[in-house]
Amino acid sequence: MAALVGPRDQFLRRVEQEFPTVAIRVRGNEVRVSGEETSHVTNVSRLFEELVTLIQNGQQLDDNTLDRVFTMVKSNERPSEILTHQVLRNAKGRQVKPKTAGQKRYVDAIAKNVITFGIGPAGTGKSWLAVAMAVRALQAKEVERIILTRPAVEAGERLGFLPGDLMAKIDPYLRPLYDALYDMLDMEGVQRLIEKQVIEVAPLAFMRGRTLNSSFIILDEAQNTTPEQMKMFLTRIGFGSRVVITGDVTQVDIAGNKSGLLSLEETLAGIDNLAFVKLGSADVVRHKIVADIVQAYERRDAAAEAKREAQR
């Protein structure tokens, strides 16, 4: 009960603020819920059942977790199934888990399909969870190697200003993938696997002409591929491989905005073992202000689209 209501009943107060039409009374080991709206009472009753299950499974409650649980319960989802689903235990012993319903759908899709597209804004865990699934597949010997790639497209800069040879210039663009690897495995372990070519990190251009068998392949920042590059990449897939393609269609940096990711769902519709998972502001797991910023941009884009439709 102490874990459920929180220090100085702060979690209980959060529930009361979130569901103001419901009266909640705690006596001993009992929680009594009452109110005039049956649906609200049902939601709060289910909320407490889910929170108890989470606590019993070792989940520590905090304000961020409560916010996610509120959203899931209101969407008639099961937080106890989503937040306790372990993808991997990382090098520091921490469990890597989906933190939202969208992220759970994403990891489930990766597990079930040959090709999975994860499309959504920054902070939704697209690349991080894809790397976690890749490491899990490698450890389970489902694949023989991990290949991480992304297009070397500048966001307003030019590669030429960077020091070193081509690989040294491209390396900063691949840094987010390295960071995700270091989250899952210790740094020395990653370096050993790279030296043995069990993990390969390379720009997309280096994929041309290859057939990638028994590999877990992640194409990151796919919104910055051209249609020709996307076709080239998709036709590299060999036997026993699994592919995750991540991107944010609102952050296209290539000239003319001609992204190989745009409209691809229509092109590939009906193909078996291929899934598109769309993540949104509700799946952002960074600071709350990031989700607020994403929502602000979504509102702006929706208003602009409505204006264009009205002008037509």
Protein backbone atom coordinates (compact mmCIF):
# COMPACT_ATOMS: atom_id res chain seq x y z
CA MET A 1 0.00 0.00 0.00
CA ALA A 2 2.85 2.40 0.76
CA ALA A 3 4.28 1.85 -2.73
CA LEU A 4 0.83 2.30 -4.25
CA VAL A 5 -0.13 5.60 -2.63
CA GLY A 6 3.44 6.96 -2.67
CA PRO A 7 5.33 9.08 -0.15
CA ARG A 8 2.93 11.39 1.66
CA ASP A 9 0.16 9.97 -0.57
CA GLN A 10 1.50 11.89 -3.58
CA PHE A 11 0.54 9.14 -6.07
CA LEU A 12 -2.95 8.98 -4.60
CA ARG A 13 -3.26 12.75 -5.00
CA ARG A 14 -2.17 12.43 -8.67
CA VAL A 15 -4.92 9.87 -9.32
CA GLU A 16 -7.50 12.14 -7.68
CA GLN A 17 -6.38 15.07 -9.84
CA GLU A 18 -6.53 12.95 -13.00
CA PHE A 19 -10.03 11.61 -12.18
CA PRO A 20 -11.73 14.47 -10.26
CA THR A 21 -15.23 12.98 -10.58
CA VAL A 22 -14.28 9.86 -8.62
CA ALA A 23 -14.02 9.63 -4.81
CA ILE A 24 -11.14 7.46 -3.54
CA ARG A 25 -10.86 6.27 0.05
CA VAL A 26 -7.99 4.21 1.42
CA ARG A 27 -8.42 2.22 4.63
CA GLY A 28 -5.83 -0.31 5.67
CA ASN A 29 -5.20 -2.51 2.65
CA GLU A 30 -8.42 -1.53 0.87
CA VAL A 31 -9.07 1.10 -1.77
CA ARG A 32 -12.70 2.12 -2.22
CA VAL A 33 -13.74 3.92 -5.40
CA SER A 34 -17.10 5.60 -5.91
CA GLY A 35 -18.70 8.13 -8.22
CA GLU A 36 -21.71 8.96 -10.39
CA GLU A 37 -20.03 8.12 -13.71
CA THR A 38 -19.80 4.31 -13.95
CA SER A 39 -17.16 4.45 -16.69
CA HIS A 40 -14.92 6.69 -14.57
CA VAL A 41 -15.28 4.40 -11.54
CA THR A 42 -14.45 1.40 -13.72
CA ASN A 43 -11.37 3.13 -15.12
CA VAL A 44 -10.04 4.06 -11.68
CA SER A 45 -10.73 0.57 -10.30
CA ARG A 46 -8.83 -0.93 -13.24
CA LEU A 47 -6.09 1.65 -12.78
CA PHE A 48 -5.44 0.51 -9.20
CA GLU A 49 -5.51 -3.14 -10.25
CA GLU A 50 -2.90 -2.40 -12.92
CA LEU A 51 -0.72 -0.42 -10.49
CA VAL A 52 -0.81 -3.25 -7.95
CA THR A 53 0.24 -5.74 -10.66
CA LEU A 54 3.09 -3.46 -11.73
CA ILE A 55 4.34 -3.14 -8.15
CA GLN A 56 4.12 -6.90 -7.65
CA ASN A 57 6.29 -7.30 -10.77
CA GLY A 58 8.97 -5.01 -9.34
CA GLN A 59 8.04 -1.81 -11.15
CA GLN A 60 8.79 1.32 -9.15
CA LEU A 61 6.18 4.02 -9.57
CA ASP A 62 7.07 7.63 -10.30
CA ASP A 63 5.31 10.59 -11.89
CA ASN A 64 6.38 9.68 -15.44
CA THR A 65 5.19 6.09 -15.04
CA LEU A 66 1.87 7.29 -13.63
CA ASP A 67 1.36 9.59 -16.64
CA ARG A 68 1.91 6.66 -19.00
CA VAL A 69 -0.40 4.41 -16.99
CA PHE A 70 -3.14 7.07 -17.03
CA THR A 71 -2.89 7.31 -20.83
CA MET A 72 -2.97 3.54 -21.30
CA VAL A 73 -5.93 2.95 -18.98
CA LYS A 74 -7.95 5.69 -20.70
CA SER A 75 -7.15 3.99 -24.03
CA ASN A 76 -8.35 0.64 -22.62
CA GLU A 77 -4.85 -0.84 -22.71
CA ARG A 78 -3.07 -3.02 -20.14
CA PRO A 79 -0.06 -1.23 -18.56
CA SER A 80 0.85 -4.41 -16.66
CA GLU A 81 1.42 -6.21 -19.99
CA ILE A 82 3.24 -3.33 -21.66
CA LEU A 83 5.55 -2.05 -18.93
CA THR A 84 6.65 -5.50 -17.73
CA HIS A 85 7.65 -6.79 -21.18
CA GLN A 86 11.44 -7.24 -21.04
CA VAL A 87 13.30 -6.88 -24.32
CA LEU A 88 16.81 -7.17 -22.93
CA ARG A 89 18.91 -6.79 -19.80
CA ASN A 90 21.67 -4.33 -20.65
CA ALA A 91 25.34 -4.33 -19.64
CA LYS A 92 24.55 -2.51 -16.39
CA GLY A 93 21.87 -5.05 -15.44
CA ARG A 94 18.95 -2.72 -16.15
CA GLN A 95 15.95 -4.07 -17.99
CA VAL A 96 15.18 -2.61 -21.40
CA LYS A 97 11.39 -2.43 -21.74
CA PRO A 98 8.84 -0.59 -23.85
CA LYS A 99 7.46 2.36 -21.95
CA THR A 100 4.34 3.05 -24.01
CA ALA A 101 1.71 1.05 -25.86
CA GLY A 102 3.14 2.26 -29.17
CA GLN A 103 6.61 1.04 -28.23
CA LYS A 104 5.15 -2.37 -27.27
CA ARG A 105 3.47 -2.63 -30.70
CA TYR A 106 6.81 -1.67 -32.24
CA VAL A 107 8.89 -4.39 -30.53
CA ASP A 108 6.14 -6.95 -31.18
CA ALA A 109 6.18 -6.05 -34.88
CA ILE A 110 9.97 -6.39 -35.03
CA ALA A 111 9.73 -9.85 -33.45
CA LYS A 112 7.08 -11.03 -35.91
CA ASN A 113 8.16 -9.52 -39.23
CA VAL A 114 11.09 -9.63 -41.62
CA ILE A 115 10.90 -5.87 -42.25
CA THR A 116 9.52 -3.33 -39.78
CA PHE A 117 9.23 0.40 -40.37
CA GLY A 118 9.24 2.52 -37.21
CA ILE A 119 8.04 6.02 -38.07
CA GLY A 120 7.71 8.80 -35.53
CA PRO A 121 9.20 11.93 -33.97
CA ALA A 122 12.37 12.26 -31.92
CA GLY A 123 12.32 10.70 -28.48
CA THR A 124 9.98 7.80 -29.25
CA GLY A 125 12.72 5.18 -28.89
CA LYS A 126 12.73 4.06 -32.54
CA SER A 127 16.48 3.52 -32.87
CA TRP A 128 17.13 2.58 -29.24
CA LEU A 129 14.55 -0.23 -29.18
CA ALA A 130 15.64 -1.43 -32.62
CA VAL A 131 19.23 -1.78 -31.36
CA ALA A 132 17.96 -3.59 -28.24
CA MET A 133 16.06 -6.07 -30.42
CA ALA A 134 19.17 -6.52 -32.60
CA VAL A 135 21.36 -7.29 -29.58
CA ARG A 136 18.74 -9.73 -28.27
CA ALA A 137 18.64 -11.52 -31.64
CA LEU A 138 22.44 -11.72 -31.69
CA GLN A 139 22.64 -13.09 -28.14
CA ALA A 140 19.94 -15.66 -28.96
CA LYS A 141 21.98 -16.65 -32.07
CA GLU A 142 19.04 -15.86 -34.32
CA VAL A 143 21.44 -13.82 -36.47
CA GLU A 144 25.21 -13.87 -36.96
CA ARG A 145 25.83 -10.13 -37.07
CA ILE A 146 24.32 -6.69 -36.63
CA ILE A 147 24.56 -4.08 -39.38
CA LEU A 148 23.76 -0.47 -38.51
CA THR A 149 23.53 2.05 -41.30
CA ARG A 150 22.18 5.48 -42.09
CA PRO A 151 22.46 7.98 -44.95
CA ALA A 152 25.28 10.50 -44.48
CA VAL A 153 23.11 13.55 -45.09
CA GLU A 154 24.00 16.88 -43.55
CA ALA A 155 21.43 18.98 -41.70
CA GLY A 156 22.66 22.25 -43.19
CA GLU A 157 26.39 21.48 -42.93
CA ARG A 158 28.86 19.90 -45.35
CA LEU A 159 31.02 16.84 -44.77
CA GLY A 160 34.05 18.67 -46.11
CA PHE A 161 34.50 20.85 -43.03
CA LEU A 162 35.11 17.76 -40.85
CA PRO A 163 38.71 16.52 -40.38
CA GLY A 164 39.98 13.10 -41.45
CA ASP A 165 39.25 10.58 -44.19
CA LEU A 166 35.78 9.59 -45.42
CA MET A 167 35.02 7.23 -42.53
CA ALA A 168 36.19 9.81 -39.99
CA LYS A 169 33.89 12.38 -41.60
CA ILE A 170 30.92 10.01 -41.58
CA ASP A 171 31.46 8.71 -38.04
CA PRO A 172 29.65 11.63 -36.31
CA TYR A 173 26.51 10.87 -38.32
CA LEU A 174 26.56 7.31 -36.97
CA ARG A 175 27.14 8.38 -33.36
CA PRO A 176 23.50 7.86 -32.22
CA LEU A 177 23.76 4.21 -33.22
CA TYR A 178 26.99 3.82 -31.26
CA ASP A 179 25.33 5.45 -28.25
CA ALA A 180 22.47 2.95 -28.38
CA LEU A 181 24.94 0.06 -28.60
CA TYR A 182 26.85 1.35 -25.57
CA ASP A 183 23.55 1.41 -23.68
CA MET A 184 23.01 -2.29 -24.39
CA LEU A 185 26.59 -3.59 -24.19
CA ASP A 186 29.70 -2.29 -22.45
CA MET A 187 32.03 -0.15 -24.55
CA GLU A 188 34.84 -2.72 -24.66
CA GLY A 189 32.40 -5.43 -25.72
CA VAL A 190 31.11 -3.28 -28.56
CA GLN A 191 34.65 -2.56 -29.76
CA ARG A 192 35.53 -6.27 -29.72
CA LEU A 193 32.44 -7.13 -31.74
CA ILE A 194 33.23 -4.37 -34.24
CA GLU A 195 36.79 -5.63 -34.61
CA LYS A 196 35.44 -9.15 -35.28
CA GLN A 197 32.94 -7.64 -37.77
CA VAL A 198 30.06 -9.11 -35.77
CA ILE A 199 28.82 -5.52 -35.52
CA GLU A 200 29.22 -3.35 -38.60
CA VAL A 201 28.44 0.36 -38.65
CA ALA A 202 28.55 1.91 -42.10
CA PRO A 203 26.97 4.64 -44.24
CA LEU A 204 24.12 3.58 -46.51
CA ALA A 205 26.18 4.09 -49.67
CA PHE A 206 28.38 1.17 -48.59
CA MET A 207 25.42 -1.24 -48.82
CA ARG A 208 25.23 -1.13 -52.63
CA GLY A 209 26.02 -4.42 -54.36
CA ARG A 210 25.85 -6.54 -51.19
CA THR A 211 23.52 -9.35 -50.14
CA LEU A 212 23.02 -9.36 -46.38
CA ASN A 213 22.32 -12.86 -45.02
CA SER A 214 21.79 -13.92 -41.37
CA SER A 215 21.92 -10.30 -40.24
CA PHE A 216 19.89 -7.89 -38.15
CA ILE A 217 19.99 -4.69 -40.19
CA ILE A 218 18.90 -1.28 -38.95
CA LEU A 219 18.54 1.66 -41.34
CA ASP A 220 18.32 4.79 -39.21
CA GLU A 221 17.20 8.28 -40.32
CA ALA A 222 15.53 6.70 -43.36
CA GLN A 223 13.65 9.91 -44.14
CA ASN A 224 16.95 11.13 -45.62
CA THR A 225 17.17 8.37 -48.21
CA THR A 226 16.21 9.03 -51.81
CA PRO A 227 13.65 6.70 -53.43
CA GLU A 228 16.53 5.08 -55.34
CA GLN A 229 18.54 4.50 -52.17
CA MET A 230 15.53 3.00 -50.40
CA LYS A 231 14.92 0.56 -53.24
CA MET A 232 18.62 -0.33 -53.26
CA PHE A 233 18.58 -1.00 -49.52
CA LEU A 234 15.38 -3.08 -49.52
CA THR A 235 16.78 -5.32 -52.24
CA ARG A 236 19.94 -6.10 -50.21
CA ILE A 237 18.04 -8.34 -47.78
CA GLY A 238 19.16 -11.97 -47.83
CA PHE A 239 18.10 -15.20 -46.14
CA GLY A 240 17.74 -15.33 -42.37
CA SER A 241 17.87 -11.55 -41.98
CA ARG A 242 15.62 -9.12 -40.18
CA VAL A 243 15.38 -5.41 -40.97
CA VAL A 244 14.21 -2.36 -39.03
CA ILE A 245 13.90 0.97 -40.82
CA THR A 246 13.40 4.06 -38.68
CA GLY A 247 12.63 7.63 -39.63
CA ASP A 248 10.84 10.88 -38.91
CA VAL A 249 9.03 12.17 -41.98
CA THR A 250 8.82 15.66 -40.46
CA GLN A 251 12.63 16.06 -40.49
CA VAL A 252 13.68 15.51 -44.10
CA ASP A 253 17.08 17.08 -44.86
CA ILE A 254 17.60 15.98 -48.48
CA ALA A 255 17.26 18.42 -51.35
CA GLY A 256 13.78 18.84 -52.78
CA ASN A 257 12.20 16.95 -49.90
CA LYS A 258 12.16 13.82 -52.12
CA SER A 259 12.38 11.24 -49.37
CA GLY A 260 12.40 7.52 -50.07
CA LEU A 261 10.32 7.01 -46.93
CA LEU A 262 7.38 9.19 -47.99
CA SER A 263 4.41 7.30 -49.48
CA LEU A 264 6.30 4.02 -49.10
CA GLU A 265 3.47 2.44 -47.11
CA GLU A 266 1.21 2.73 -50.15
CA THR A 267 3.87 1.24 -52.42
CA LEU A 268 4.52 -1.78 -50.18
CA ALA A 269 0.92 -2.39 -49.09
CA GLY A 270 -0.11 -6.05 -49.06
CA ILE A 271 3.38 -7.54 -48.71
CA ASP A 272 3.55 -10.30 -46.07
CA ASN A 273 6.05 -10.14 -43.18
CA LEU A 274 6.32 -6.35 -43.50
CA ALA A 275 4.85 -3.91 -40.99
CA PHE A 276 4.59 -0.16 -40.48
CA VAL A 277 4.40 1.09 -36.88
CA LYS A 278 3.66 4.76 -36.36
CA LEU A 279 4.68 6.40 -33.09
CA GLY A 280 3.49 9.79 -31.88
CA SER A 281 3.82 12.36 -29.14
CA ALA A 282 2.24 9.91 -26.64
CA ASP A 283 5.27 7.63 -27.18
CA VAL A 284 7.92 10.27 -26.43
CA VAL A 285 9.88 9.12 -23.38
CA ARG A 286 12.21 12.08 -22.98
CA HIS A 287 11.47 15.12 -20.82
CA LYS A 288 7.77 16.04 -20.92
CA ILE A 289 8.63 19.27 -22.68
CA VAL A 290 9.78 17.23 -25.72
CA ALA A 291 6.31 15.66 -26.02
CA ASP A 292 4.77 19.15 -25.69
CA ILE A 293 7.05 20.45 -28.46
CA VAL A 294 6.16 17.52 -30.73
CA GLN A 295 2.45 18.14 -30.13
CA ALA A 296 2.90 21.85 -30.94
CA TYR A 297 4.53 21.00 -34.27
CA GLU A 298 1.79 18.42 -35.02
CA ARG A 299 -0.88 21.08 -34.40
CA ARG A 300 0.96 23.52 -36.64
CA ASP A 301 1.28 20.97 -39.45
CA ALA A 302 -2.38 19.94 -39.12
CA ALA A 303 -3.47 23.58 -39.31
CA ALA A 304 -1.29 24.17 -42.38
CA GLU A 305 -2.72 21.08 -44.09
CA ALA A 306 -6.27 22.20 -43.30
CA LYS A 307 -5.49 25.61 -44.79
CA ARG A 308 -4.14 24.06 -47.98
CA GLU A 309 -7.22 21.86 -48.29
CA ALA A 310 -9.48 24.90 -47.85
CA GLN A 311 -7.60 26.79 -50.58
CA ARG A 312 -8.12 23.90 -53.00
